[in-house]
């Protein structure tokens, strides 16, 4: 896998019973060209890390999964980086100019 895709949600989702476990299970089952690499919680953020060769298409799959789990996509952020870089490229929302993990 060439890229790290990061899905960023408000930390409130981590507090919901079983949300993270259900999300990671759904991602593992549904994603065709990706592997879940874990998550972290901090600074009011829940980050899910995904390794993929095609971050944009993988994120399109993730959006469907999040939508099916009742997540409002307006509160989701996403970005990716090549493993050889420390700089993330923002991909969601479409007008996001910078993506950072804090």
Protein backbone atom coordinates (compact mmCIF):
# COMPACT_ATOMS: atom_id res chain seq x y z
CA UNK A 1 0.00 0.00 0.00
CA UNK A 2 1.36 3.36 -1.03
CA UNK A 3 -0.82 5.89 0.83
CA UNK A 4 -2.19 6.55 4.30
CA UNK A 5 -5.78 7.79 4.23
CA UNK A 6 -7.05 9.36 7.45
CA UNK A 7 -10.72 9.73 8.29
CA UNK A 8 -11.27 12.31 11.02
CA UNK A 9 -14.41 12.52 13.14
CA UNK A 10 -15.39 14.46 16.21
CA UNK A 11 -14.34 12.63 19.38
CA UNK A 12 -18.02 12.34 20.41
CA UNK A 13 -18.29 9.27 18.18
CA UNK A 14 -15.71 7.45 20.24
CA UNK A 15 -17.99 7.78 23.26
CA UNK A 16 -20.89 6.08 21.50
CA UNK A 17 -21.17 2.45 22.50
CA UNK A 18 -19.56 0.27 19.90
CA UNK A 19 -19.34 2.93 17.18
CA UNK A 20 -15.62 2.58 16.55
CA UNK A 21 -15.70 -1.22 16.62
CA UNK A 22 -18.66 -1.29 14.21
CA UNK A 23 -17.00 1.24 11.91
CA UNK A 24 -13.70 -0.62 11.74
CA UNK A 25 -15.50 -3.94 11.17
CA UNK A 26 -17.58 -2.42 8.37
CA UNK A 27 -14.49 -0.91 6.78
CA UNK A 28 -12.56 -4.20 6.93
CA UNK A 29 -15.43 -6.09 5.32
CA UNK A 30 -16.34 -3.51 2.67
CA UNK A 31 -13.13 -1.89 1.45
CA UNK A 32 -11.77 -3.57 -1.65
CA UNK A 33 -8.26 -2.13 -1.94
CA UNK A 34 -7.39 -1.07 1.58
CA UNK A 35 -6.33 -2.19 5.05
CA UNK A 36 -7.32 -0.65 8.38
CA UNK A 37 -4.21 0.40 10.30
CA UNK A 38 -5.89 1.41 13.55
CA UNK A 39 -7.10 4.60 15.14
CA UNK A 40 -6.27 7.23 17.72
CA UNK A 41 -8.28 9.60 19.85
CA UNK A 42 -7.09 12.97 21.09
CA UNK A 43 -7.58 16.71 20.91
CA UNK A 44 -11.32 16.19 20.30
CA UNK A 45 -10.61 14.03 17.23
CA UNK A 46 -11.08 10.41 16.34
CA UNK A 47 -8.73 9.43 13.51
CA UNK A 48 -9.05 6.17 11.58
CA UNK A 49 -5.95 5.22 9.57
CA UNK A 50 -6.30 3.28 6.33
CA UNK A 51 -3.56 2.03 4.00
CA UNK A 52 -4.52 2.08 0.33
CA UNK A 53 -3.20 2.37 -3.19
CA UNK A 54 -6.10 4.62 -4.24
CA UNK A 55 -7.08 7.05 -1.46
CA UNK A 56 -9.73 8.93 -3.44
CA UNK A 57 -11.69 5.82 -4.45
CA UNK A 58 -11.22 4.32 -1.00
CA UNK A 59 -12.67 7.47 0.54
CA UNK A 60 -15.70 7.20 -1.76
CA UNK A 61 -16.28 3.73 -0.31
CA UNK A 62 -15.77 5.08 3.24
CA UNK A 63 -18.37 7.82 2.65
CA UNK A 64 -20.98 5.18 1.83
CA UNK A 65 -20.12 3.21 4.96
CA UNK A 66 -20.27 6.32 7.17
CA UNK A 67 -23.58 7.34 5.62
CA UNK A 68 -24.99 3.85 6.27
CA UNK A 69 -23.96 4.22 9.93
CA UNK A 70 -25.82 7.53 10.22
CA UNK A 71 -22.76 9.79 10.29
CA UNK A 72 -23.39 13.30 8.99
CA UNK A 73 -20.70 13.71 6.32
CA UNK A 74 -20.59 17.45 7.02
CA UNK A 75 -18.61 16.74 10.20
CA UNK A 76 -16.14 14.37 8.55
CA UNK A 77 -12.68 15.39 7.36
CA UNK A 78 -10.32 13.30 5.28
CA UNK A 79 -6.83 13.59 3.91
CA UNK A 80 -4.09 11.34 2.66
CA UNK A 81 -0.35 11.27 2.29
CA UNK A 82 2.20 9.26 0.43
CA UNK A 83 4.18 7.21 2.96
CA UNK A 84 7.30 9.06 1.85
CA UNK A 85 5.77 12.44 2.84
CA UNK A 86 4.64 14.09 6.07
CA UNK A 87 2.22 16.42 4.26
CA UNK A 88 -1.43 15.44 3.97
CA UNK A 89 -3.50 16.27 0.92
CA UNK A 90 -7.05 17.26 1.93
CA UNK A 91 -9.88 15.54 0.09
CA UNK A 92 -12.98 16.10 2.26
CA UNK A 93 -14.84 18.33 2.58
CA UNK A 94 -14.23 19.51 -0.95
CA UNK A 95 -13.36 23.05 0.18
CA UNK A 96 -10.87 21.90 2.87
CA UNK A 97 -7.59 23.69 2.28
CA UNK A 98 -5.43 21.94 4.88
CA UNK A 99 -5.62 18.60 6.66
CA UNK A 100 -3.75 17.98 9.91
CA UNK A 101 -3.72 15.43 12.66
CA UNK A 102 -3.41 17.18 16.01
